[in-house]
mmCIF file of all heavy atoms, coordinates in Angstrom:
data_MODEL
# 
_entry.id   MODEL 
# 
loop_
_atom_site.group_PDB 
_atom_site.id 
_atom_site.type_symbol 
_atom_site.label_atom_id 
_atom_site.label_alt_id 
_atom_site.label_comp_id 
_atom_site.label_asym_id 
_atom_site.label_entity_id 
_atom_site.label_seq_id 
_atom_site.pdbx_PDB_ins_code 
_atom_site.Cartn_x 
_atom_site.Cartn_y 
_atom_site.Cartn_z 
_atom_site.occupancy 
_atom_site.B_iso_or_equiv 
_atom_site.pdbx_formal_charge 
_atom_site.auth_seq_id 
_atom_site.auth_comp_id 
_atom_site.auth_asym_id 
_atom_site.auth_atom_id 
_atom_site.pdbx_PDB_model_num 
ATOM 1   N N   . LEU A 1 1  ? 41.833 -0.427  10.052 1.00 0.00 ? 1  LEU A N   1 
ATOM 2   C CA  . LEU A 1 1  ? 42.203 -1.850  10.147 1.00 0.00 ? 1  LEU A CA  1 
ATOM 3   C C   . LEU A 1 1  ? 42.984 -2.200  11.419 1.00 0.00 ? 1  LEU A C   1 
ATOM 4   O O   . LEU A 1 1  ? 43.827 -1.382  11.758 1.00 0.00 ? 1  LEU A O   1 
ATOM 5   C CB  . LEU A 1 1  ? 43.217 -2.322  8.969  1.00 0.00 ? 1  LEU A CB  1 
ATOM 6   C CG  . LEU A 1 1  ? 42.491 -2.383  7.516  1.00 0.00 ? 1  LEU A CG  1 
ATOM 7   C CD1 . LEU A 1 1  ? 43.744 -2.543  6.565  1.00 0.00 ? 1  LEU A CD1 1 
ATOM 8   C CD2 . LEU A 1 1  ? 41.541 -3.505  7.524  1.00 0.00 ? 1  LEU A CD2 1 
ATOM 9   N N   . PRO A 1 2  ? 42.745 -3.254  12.020 1.00 0.00 ? 2  PRO A N   1 
ATOM 10  C CA  . PRO A 1 2  ? 43.450 -3.580  13.327 1.00 0.00 ? 2  PRO A CA  1 
ATOM 11  C C   . PRO A 1 2  ? 44.869 -4.045  12.891 1.00 0.00 ? 2  PRO A C   1 
ATOM 12  O O   . PRO A 1 2  ? 45.081 -4.769  11.939 1.00 0.00 ? 2  PRO A O   1 
ATOM 13  C CB  . PRO A 1 2  ? 42.763 -4.928  13.903 1.00 0.00 ? 2  PRO A CB  1 
ATOM 14  C CG  . PRO A 1 2  ? 41.304 -4.848  13.292 1.00 0.00 ? 2  PRO A CG  1 
ATOM 15  C CD  . PRO A 1 2  ? 41.471 -4.192  11.852 1.00 0.00 ? 2  PRO A CD  1 
ATOM 16  N N   . VAL A 1 3  ? 45.793 -3.490  13.532 1.00 0.00 ? 3  VAL A N   1 
ATOM 17  C CA  . VAL A 1 3  ? 47.216 -3.732  13.136 1.00 0.00 ? 3  VAL A CA  1 
ATOM 18  C C   . VAL A 1 3  ? 47.651 -5.183  13.357 1.00 0.00 ? 3  VAL A C   1 
ATOM 19  O O   . VAL A 1 3  ? 48.561 -5.686  12.605 1.00 0.00 ? 3  VAL A O   1 
ATOM 20  C CB  . VAL A 1 3  ? 48.221 -2.824  14.009 1.00 0.00 ? 3  VAL A CB  1 
ATOM 21  C CG1 . VAL A 1 3  ? 48.196 -3.250  15.480 1.00 0.00 ? 3  VAL A CG1 1 
ATOM 22  C CG2 . VAL A 1 3  ? 49.571 -2.701  13.441 1.00 0.00 ? 3  VAL A CG2 1 
ATOM 23  N N   . ILE A 1 4  ? 46.947 -5.948  14.211 1.00 0.00 ? 4  ILE A N   1 
ATOM 24  C CA  . ILE A 1 4  ? 47.230 -7.280  14.482 1.00 0.00 ? 4  ILE A CA  1 
ATOM 25  C C   . ILE A 1 4  ? 47.159 -8.158  13.270 1.00 0.00 ? 4  ILE A C   1 
ATOM 26  O O   . ILE A 1 4  ? 47.578 -9.185  13.045 1.00 0.00 ? 4  ILE A O   1 
ATOM 27  C CB  . ILE A 1 4  ? 46.429 -7.852  15.592 1.00 0.00 ? 4  ILE A CB  1 
ATOM 28  C CG1 . ILE A 1 4  ? 46.991 -9.210  16.091 1.00 0.00 ? 4  ILE A CG1 1 
ATOM 29  C CG2 . ILE A 1 4  ? 44.967 -8.064  15.148 1.00 0.00 ? 4  ILE A CG2 1 
ATOM 30  C CD1 . ILE A 1 4  ? 46.341 -9.726  17.250 1.00 0.00 ? 4  ILE A CD1 1 
ATOM 31  N N   . ASN A 1 5  ? 46.307 -7.701  12.194 1.00 0.00 ? 5  ASN A N   1 
ATOM 32  C CA  . ASN A 1 5  ? 46.024 -8.435  10.963 1.00 0.00 ? 5  ASN A CA  1 
ATOM 33  C C   . ASN A 1 5  ? 47.018 -8.128  9.841  1.00 0.00 ? 5  ASN A C   1 
ATOM 34  O O   . ASN A 1 5  ? 46.987 -8.685  8.814  1.00 0.00 ? 5  ASN A O   1 
ATOM 35  C CB  . ASN A 1 5  ? 44.710 -8.101  10.384 1.00 0.00 ? 5  ASN A CB  1 
ATOM 36  C CG  . ASN A 1 5  ? 43.561 -8.590  11.320 1.00 0.00 ? 5  ASN A CG  1 
ATOM 37  O OD1 . ASN A 1 5  ? 43.758 -9.621  11.960 1.00 0.00 ? 5  ASN A OD1 1 
ATOM 38  N ND2 . ASN A 1 5  ? 42.387 -7.909  11.428 1.00 0.00 ? 5  ASN A ND2 1 
ATOM 39  N N   . LEU A 1 6  ? 48.055 -7.198  10.023 1.00 0.00 ? 6  LEU A N   1 
ATOM 40  C CA  . LEU A 1 6  ? 48.947 -6.778  9.097  1.00 0.00 ? 6  LEU A CA  1 
ATOM 41  C C   . LEU A 1 6  ? 50.343 -7.125  9.340  1.00 0.00 ? 6  LEU A C   1 
ATOM 42  O O   . LEU A 1 6  ? 50.835 -7.262  10.424 1.00 0.00 ? 6  LEU A O   1 
ATOM 43  C CB  . LEU A 1 6  ? 48.950 -5.269  9.013  1.00 0.00 ? 6  LEU A CB  1 
ATOM 44  C CG  . LEU A 1 6  ? 47.681 -4.524  8.599  1.00 0.00 ? 6  LEU A CG  1 
ATOM 45  C CD1 . LEU A 1 6  ? 47.804 -2.911  8.725  1.00 0.00 ? 6  LEU A CD1 1 
ATOM 46  C CD2 . LEU A 1 6  ? 47.163 -4.782  7.220  1.00 0.00 ? 6  LEU A CD2 1 
ATOM 47  N N   . GLU A 1 7  ? 51.000 -7.466  8.181  1.00 0.00 ? 7  GLU A N   1 
ATOM 48  C CA  . GLU A 1 7  ? 52.491 -7.763  8.186  1.00 0.00 ? 7  GLU A CA  1 
ATOM 49  C C   . GLU A 1 7  ? 53.306 -6.770  7.408  1.00 0.00 ? 7  GLU A C   1 
ATOM 50  O O   . GLU A 1 7  ? 54.586 -6.716  7.502  1.00 0.00 ? 7  GLU A O   1 
ATOM 51  C CB  . GLU A 1 7  ? 52.769 -9.169  7.675  1.00 0.00 ? 7  GLU A CB  1 
ATOM 52  C CG  . GLU A 1 7  ? 52.458 -9.359  6.253  1.00 0.00 ? 7  GLU A CG  1 
ATOM 53  C CD  . GLU A 1 7  ? 52.843 -10.738 5.818  1.00 0.00 ? 7  GLU A CD  1 
ATOM 54  O OE1 . GLU A 1 7  ? 53.302 -11.599 6.676  1.00 0.00 ? 7  GLU A OE1 1 
ATOM 55  O OE2 . GLU A 1 7  ? 52.552 -11.155 4.664  1.00 0.00 ? 7  GLU A OE2 1 
ATOM 56  N N   . GLY A 1 8  ? 52.570 -5.960  6.641  1.00 0.00 ? 8  GLY A N   1 
ATOM 57  C CA  . GLY A 1 8  ? 53.281 -4.894  5.893  1.00 0.00 ? 8  GLY A CA  1 
ATOM 58  C C   . GLY A 1 8  ? 52.309 -3.860  5.335  1.00 0.00 ? 8  GLY A C   1 
ATOM 59  O O   . GLY A 1 8  ? 51.060 -4.061  5.223  1.00 0.00 ? 8  GLY A O   1 
ATOM 60  N N   . ILE A 1 9  ? 52.850 -2.653  5.135  1.00 0.00 ? 9  ILE A N   1 
ATOM 61  C CA  . ILE A 1 9  ? 52.092 -1.543  4.479  1.00 0.00 ? 9  ILE A CA  1 
ATOM 62  C C   . ILE A 1 9  ? 52.989 -0.904  3.419  1.00 0.00 ? 9  ILE A C   1 
ATOM 63  O O   . ILE A 1 9  ? 54.220 -0.673  3.605  1.00 0.00 ? 9  ILE A O   1 
ATOM 64  C CB  . ILE A 1 9  ? 51.742 -0.417  5.511  1.00 0.00 ? 9  ILE A CB  1 
ATOM 65  C CG1 . ILE A 1 9  ? 51.023 -1.048  6.687  1.00 0.00 ? 9  ILE A CG1 1 
ATOM 66  C CG2 . ILE A 1 9  ? 51.004 0.750   4.914  1.00 0.00 ? 9  ILE A CG2 1 
ATOM 67  C CD1 . ILE A 1 9  ? 50.758 0.040   7.828  1.00 0.00 ? 9  ILE A CD1 1 
ATOM 68  N N   . VAL A 1 10 ? 52.499 -0.789  2.174  1.00 0.00 ? 10 VAL A N   1 
ATOM 69  C CA  . VAL A 1 10 ? 53.108 -0.253  1.092  1.00 0.00 ? 10 VAL A CA  1 
ATOM 70  C C   . VAL A 1 10 ? 52.356 0.931   0.553  1.00 0.00 ? 10 VAL A C   1 
ATOM 71  O O   . VAL A 1 10 ? 51.190 0.888   0.145  1.00 0.00 ? 10 VAL A O   1 
ATOM 72  C CB  . VAL A 1 10 ? 53.342 -1.317  -0.097 1.00 0.00 ? 10 VAL A CB  1 
ATOM 73  C CG1 . VAL A 1 10 ? 54.126 -0.772  -1.187 1.00 0.00 ? 10 VAL A CG1 1 
ATOM 74  C CG2 . VAL A 1 10 ? 53.964 -2.593  0.481  1.00 0.00 ? 10 VAL A CG2 1 
ATOM 75  N N   . CYS A 1 11 ? 53.049 2.089   0.591  1.00 0.00 ? 11 CYS A N   1 
ATOM 76  C CA  . CYS A 1 11 ? 52.363 3.335   0.391  1.00 0.00 ? 11 CYS A CA  1 
ATOM 77  C C   . CYS A 1 11 ? 52.796 3.926   -0.916 1.00 0.00 ? 11 CYS A C   1 
ATOM 78  O O   . CYS A 1 11 ? 53.964 4.275   -1.202 1.00 0.00 ? 11 CYS A O   1 
ATOM 79  C CB  . CYS A 1 11 ? 52.682 4.373   1.466  1.00 0.00 ? 11 CYS A CB  1 
ATOM 80  S SG  . CYS A 1 11 ? 52.156 3.951   3.083  1.00 0.00 ? 11 CYS A SG  1 
ATOM 81  N N   . PHE A 1 12 ? 51.867 4.161   -1.855 1.00 0.00 ? 12 PHE A N   1 
ATOM 82  C CA  . PHE A 1 12 ? 52.021 4.830   -3.120 1.00 0.00 ? 12 PHE A CA  1 
ATOM 83  C C   . PHE A 1 12 ? 51.450 6.288   -3.029 1.00 0.00 ? 12 PHE A C   1 
ATOM 84  O O   . PHE A 1 12 ? 51.513 6.985   -3.925 1.00 0.00 ? 12 PHE A O   1 
ATOM 85  C CB  . PHE A 1 12 ? 51.376 4.129   -4.212 1.00 0.00 ? 12 PHE A CB  1 
ATOM 86  C CG  . PHE A 1 12 ? 51.825 2.791   -4.484 1.00 0.00 ? 12 PHE A CG  1 
ATOM 87  C CD1 . PHE A 1 12 ? 51.286 1.658   -3.834 1.00 0.00 ? 12 PHE A CD1 1 
ATOM 88  C CD2 . PHE A 1 12 ? 52.857 2.471   -5.516 1.00 0.00 ? 12 PHE A CD2 1 
ATOM 89  C CE1 . PHE A 1 12 ? 51.740 0.358   -4.088 1.00 0.00 ? 12 PHE A CE1 1 
ATOM 90  C CE2 . PHE A 1 12 ? 53.306 1.219   -5.629 1.00 0.00 ? 12 PHE A CE2 1 
ATOM 91  C CZ  . PHE A 1 12 ? 52.723 0.179   -5.057 1.00 0.00 ? 12 PHE A CZ  1 
ATOM 92  N N   . ASN A 1 13 ? 50.932 6.678   -1.811 1.00 0.00 ? 13 ASN A N   1 
ATOM 93  C CA  . ASN A 1 13 ? 50.179 8.005   -1.624 1.00 0.00 ? 13 ASN A CA  1 
ATOM 94  C C   . ASN A 1 13 ? 51.277 9.069   -1.506 1.00 0.00 ? 13 ASN A C   1 
ATOM 95  O O   . ASN A 1 13 ? 52.435 8.921   -1.308 1.00 0.00 ? 13 ASN A O   1 
ATOM 96  C CB  . ASN A 1 13 ? 49.459 7.827   -0.480 1.00 0.00 ? 13 ASN A CB  1 
ATOM 97  C CG  . ASN A 1 13 ? 50.138 7.444   0.806  1.00 0.00 ? 13 ASN A CG  1 
ATOM 98  O OD1 . ASN A 1 13 ? 51.114 6.687   0.712  1.00 0.00 ? 13 ASN A OD1 1 
ATOM 99  N ND2 . ASN A 1 13 ? 49.694 7.947   1.938  1.00 0.00 ? 13 ASN A ND2 1 
ATOM 100 N N   . ASN A 1 14 ? 50.736 10.241  -1.715 1.00 0.00 ? 14 ASN A N   1 
ATOM 101 C CA  . ASN A 1 14 ? 51.706 11.513  -1.593 1.00 0.00 ? 14 ASN A CA  1 
ATOM 102 C C   . ASN A 1 14 ? 51.757 11.959  -0.137 1.00 0.00 ? 14 ASN A C   1 
ATOM 103 O O   . ASN A 1 14 ? 52.651 12.675  0.117  1.00 0.00 ? 14 ASN A O   1 
ATOM 104 C CB  . ASN A 1 14 ? 51.091 12.545  -2.570 1.00 0.00 ? 14 ASN A CB  1 
ATOM 105 C CG  . ASN A 1 14 ? 51.118 12.227  -3.971 1.00 0.00 ? 14 ASN A CG  1 
ATOM 106 O OD1 . ASN A 1 14 ? 51.948 11.382  -4.429 1.00 0.00 ? 14 ASN A OD1 1 
ATOM 107 N ND2 . ASN A 1 14 ? 50.178 12.653  -4.746 1.00 0.00 ? 14 ASN A ND2 1 
ATOM 108 N N   . LEU A 1 15 ? 50.750 11.730  0.583  1.00 0.00 ? 15 LEU A N   1 
ATOM 109 C CA  . LEU A 1 15 ? 50.792 12.371  1.981  1.00 0.00 ? 15 LEU A CA  1 
ATOM 110 C C   . LEU A 1 15 ? 51.485 11.634  3.061  1.00 0.00 ? 15 LEU A C   1 
ATOM 111 O O   . LEU A 1 15 ? 51.748 12.225  4.108  1.00 0.00 ? 15 LEU A O   1 
ATOM 112 C CB  . LEU A 1 15 ? 49.279 12.636  2.392  1.00 0.00 ? 15 LEU A CB  1 
ATOM 113 C CG  . LEU A 1 15 ? 48.536 13.523  1.363  1.00 0.00 ? 15 LEU A CG  1 
ATOM 114 C CD1 . LEU A 1 15 ? 47.058 13.732  1.902  1.00 0.00 ? 15 LEU A CD1 1 
ATOM 115 C CD2 . LEU A 1 15 ? 49.192 14.895  1.202  1.00 0.00 ? 15 LEU A CD2 1 
ATOM 116 N N   . GLY A 1 16 ? 51.724 10.386  2.841  1.00 0.00 ? 16 GLY A N   1 
ATOM 117 C CA  . GLY A 1 16 ? 52.524 9.601   3.806  1.00 0.00 ? 16 GLY A CA  1 
ATOM 118 C C   . GLY A 1 16 ? 51.802 9.088   4.926  1.00 0.00 ? 16 GLY A C   1 
ATOM 119 O O   . GLY A 1 16 ? 50.609 8.822   4.893  1.00 0.00 ? 16 GLY A O   1 
ATOM 120 N N   . ALA A 1 17 ? 52.539 9.058   6.107  1.00 0.00 ? 17 ALA A N   1 
ATOM 121 C CA  . ALA A 1 17 ? 51.886 8.566   7.381  1.00 0.00 ? 17 ALA A CA  1 
ATOM 122 C C   . ALA A 1 17 ? 52.394 9.311   8.522  1.00 0.00 ? 17 ALA A C   1 
ATOM 123 O O   . ALA A 1 17 ? 53.490 9.936   8.524  1.00 0.00 ? 17 ALA A O   1 
ATOM 124 C CB  . ALA A 1 17 ? 52.309 6.997   7.547  1.00 0.00 ? 17 ALA A CB  1 
ATOM 125 N N   . SER A 1 18 ? 51.612 9.264   9.698  1.00 0.00 ? 18 SER A N   1 
ATOM 126 C CA  . SER A 1 18 ? 52.063 9.906   10.892 1.00 0.00 ? 18 SER A CA  1 
ATOM 127 C C   . SER A 1 18 ? 53.208 9.295   11.551 1.00 0.00 ? 18 SER A C   1 
ATOM 128 O O   . SER A 1 18 ? 53.533 8.076   11.347 1.00 0.00 ? 18 SER A O   1 
ATOM 129 C CB  . SER A 1 18 ? 50.861 9.941   11.887 1.00 0.00 ? 18 SER A CB  1 
ATOM 130 O OG  . SER A 1 18 ? 50.665 8.679   12.521 1.00 0.00 ? 18 SER A OG  1 
ATOM 131 N N   . LYS A 1 19 ? 54.002 10.028  12.238 1.00 0.00 ? 19 LYS A N   1 
ATOM 132 C CA  . LYS A 1 19 ? 55.184 9.459   13.052 1.00 0.00 ? 19 LYS A CA  1 
ATOM 133 C C   . LYS A 1 19 ? 54.773 8.377   13.994 1.00 0.00 ? 19 LYS A C   1 
ATOM 134 O O   . LYS A 1 19 ? 55.559 7.458   14.396 1.00 0.00 ? 19 LYS A O   1 
ATOM 135 C CB  . LYS A 1 19 ? 55.928 10.612  13.705 1.00 0.00 ? 19 LYS A CB  1 
ATOM 136 C CG  . LYS A 1 19 ? 55.207 11.382  14.781 1.00 0.00 ? 19 LYS A CG  1 
ATOM 137 C CD  . LYS A 1 19 ? 56.012 12.524  15.373 1.00 0.00 ? 19 LYS A CD  1 
ATOM 138 C CE  . LYS A 1 19 ? 55.315 13.390  16.253 1.00 0.00 ? 19 LYS A CE  1 
ATOM 139 N NZ  . LYS A 1 19 ? 56.129 14.527  16.828 1.00 0.00 ? 19 LYS A NZ  1 
ATOM 140 N N   . TYR A 1 20 ? 53.539 8.574   14.610 1.00 0.00 ? 20 TYR A N   1 
ATOM 141 C CA  . TYR A 1 20 ? 53.118 7.607   15.595 1.00 0.00 ? 20 TYR A CA  1 
ATOM 142 C C   . TYR A 1 20 ? 52.764 6.227   14.953 1.00 0.00 ? 20 TYR A C   1 
ATOM 143 O O   . TYR A 1 20 ? 53.055 5.161   15.482 1.00 0.00 ? 20 TYR A O   1 
ATOM 144 C CB  . TYR A 1 20 ? 51.928 8.134   16.252 1.00 0.00 ? 20 TYR A CB  1 
ATOM 145 C CG  . TYR A 1 20 ? 52.105 9.458   17.038 1.00 0.00 ? 20 TYR A CG  1 
ATOM 146 C CD1 . TYR A 1 20 ? 51.630 10.608  16.477 1.00 0.00 ? 20 TYR A CD1 1 
ATOM 147 C CD2 . TYR A 1 20 ? 52.893 9.422   18.153 1.00 0.00 ? 20 TYR A CD2 1 
ATOM 148 C CE1 . TYR A 1 20 ? 51.921 11.867  17.117 1.00 0.00 ? 20 TYR A CE1 1 
ATOM 149 C CE2 . TYR A 1 20 ? 53.188 10.726  18.874 1.00 0.00 ? 20 TYR A CE2 1 
ATOM 150 C CZ  . TYR A 1 20 ? 52.639 11.857  18.265 1.00 0.00 ? 20 TYR A CZ  1 
ATOM 151 O OH  . TYR A 1 20 ? 53.007 13.032  18.842 1.00 0.00 ? 20 TYR A OH  1 
ATOM 152 N N   . LEU A 1 21 ? 52.225 6.287   13.741 1.00 0.00 ? 21 LEU A N   1 
ATOM 153 C CA  . LEU A 1 21 ? 51.996 5.017   12.903 1.00 0.00 ? 21 LEU A CA  1 
ATOM 154 C C   . LEU A 1 21 ? 53.405 4.458   12.570 1.00 0.00 ? 21 LEU A C   1 
ATOM 155 O O   . LEU A 1 21 ? 53.557 3.171   12.686 1.00 0.00 ? 21 LEU A O   1 
ATOM 156 C CB  . LEU A 1 21 ? 51.135 5.231   11.734 1.00 0.00 ? 21 LEU A CB  1 
ATOM 157 C CG  . LEU A 1 21 ? 50.966 4.035   10.814 1.00 0.00 ? 21 LEU A CG  1 
ATOM 158 C CD1 . LEU A 1 21 ? 50.263 2.930   11.536 1.00 0.00 ? 21 LEU A CD1 1 
ATOM 159 C CD2 . LEU A 1 21 ? 50.324 4.438   9.498  1.00 0.00 ? 21 LEU A CD2 1 
ATOM 160 N N   . MET A 1 22 ? 54.301 5.274   12.139 1.00 0.00 ? 22 MET A N   1 
ATOM 161 C CA  . MET A 1 22 ? 55.691 4.720   11.797 1.00 0.00 ? 22 MET A CA  1 
ATOM 162 C C   . MET A 1 22 ? 56.297 4.062   13.042 1.00 0.00 ? 22 MET A C   1 
ATOM 163 O O   . MET A 1 22 ? 56.891 2.954   12.965 1.00 0.00 ? 22 MET A O   1 
ATOM 164 C CB  . MET A 1 22 ? 56.527 5.796   11.359 1.00 0.00 ? 22 MET A CB  1 
ATOM 165 C CG  . MET A 1 22 ? 56.286 6.486   10.041 1.00 0.00 ? 22 MET A CG  1 
ATOM 166 S SD  . MET A 1 22 ? 57.333 7.820   9.564  1.00 0.00 ? 22 MET A SD  1 
ATOM 167 C CE  . MET A 1 22 ? 56.398 8.488   8.204  1.00 0.00 ? 22 MET A CE  1 
ATOM 168 N N   . ALA A 1 23 ? 56.097 4.656   14.179 1.00 0.00 ? 23 ALA A N   1 
ATOM 169 C CA  . ALA A 1 23 ? 56.706 4.104   15.400 1.00 0.00 ? 23 ALA A CA  1 
ATOM 170 C C   . ALA A 1 23 ? 56.013 2.744   15.803 1.00 0.00 ? 23 ALA A C   1 
ATOM 171 O O   . ALA A 1 23 ? 56.699 1.856   16.192 1.00 0.00 ? 23 ALA A O   1 
ATOM 172 C CB  . ALA A 1 23 ? 56.550 5.099   16.599 1.00 0.00 ? 23 ALA A CB  1 
ATOM 173 N N   . MET A 1 24 ? 54.777 2.715   15.631 1.00 0.00 ? 24 MET A N   1 
ATOM 174 C CA  . MET A 1 24 ? 54.058 1.407   15.818 1.00 0.00 ? 24 MET A CA  1 
ATOM 175 C C   . MET A 1 24 ? 54.440 0.309   14.992 1.00 0.00 ? 24 MET A C   1 
ATOM 176 O O   . MET A 1 24 ? 54.715 -0.843  15.381 1.00 0.00 ? 24 MET A O   1 
ATOM 177 C CB  . MET A 1 24 ? 52.541 1.647   15.832 1.00 0.00 ? 24 MET A CB  1 
ATOM 178 C CG  . MET A 1 24 ? 51.647 0.368   16.114 1.00 0.00 ? 24 MET A CG  1 
ATOM 179 S SD  . MET A 1 24 ? 49.835 0.570   16.333 1.00 0.00 ? 24 MET A SD  1 
ATOM 180 C CE  . MET A 1 24 ? 49.480 1.050   14.656 1.00 0.00 ? 24 MET A CE  1 
ATOM 181 N N   . CYS A 1 25 ? 54.566 0.706   13.596 1.00 0.00 ? 25 CYS A N   1 
ATOM 182 C CA  . CYS A 1 25 ? 55.081 -0.376  12.720 1.00 0.00 ? 25 CYS A CA  1 
ATOM 183 C C   . CYS A 1 25 ? 56.504 -0.823  13.028 1.00 0.00 ? 25 CYS A C   1 
ATOM 184 O O   . CYS A 1 25 ? 56.794 -2.056  12.990 1.00 0.00 ? 25 CYS A O   1 
ATOM 185 C CB  . CYS A 1 25 ? 55.039 0.271   11.279 1.00 0.00 ? 25 CYS A CB  1 
ATOM 186 S SG  . CYS A 1 25 ? 53.316 0.510   10.598 1.00 0.00 ? 25 CYS A SG  1 
ATOM 187 N N   . ALA A 1 26 ? 57.325 0.148   13.305 1.00 0.00 ? 26 ALA A N   1 
ATOM 188 C CA  . ALA A 1 26 ? 58.739 -0.248  13.815 1.00 0.00 ? 26 ALA A CA  1 
ATOM 189 C C   . ALA A 1 26 ? 58.762 -1.128  15.005 1.00 0.00 ? 26 ALA A C   1 
ATOM 190 O O   . ALA A 1 26 ? 59.501 -2.190  15.037 1.00 0.00 ? 26 ALA A O   1 
ATOM 191 C CB  . ALA A 1 26 ? 59.611 0.894   13.919 1.00 0.00 ? 26 ALA A CB  1 
# 
């Protein structure tokens, strides 16, 4: 998904997210 289309991500998963994705979201 292009990040430009998102205002939020809610994770119920066990594996989480990469630090680079976290940095981009922040």
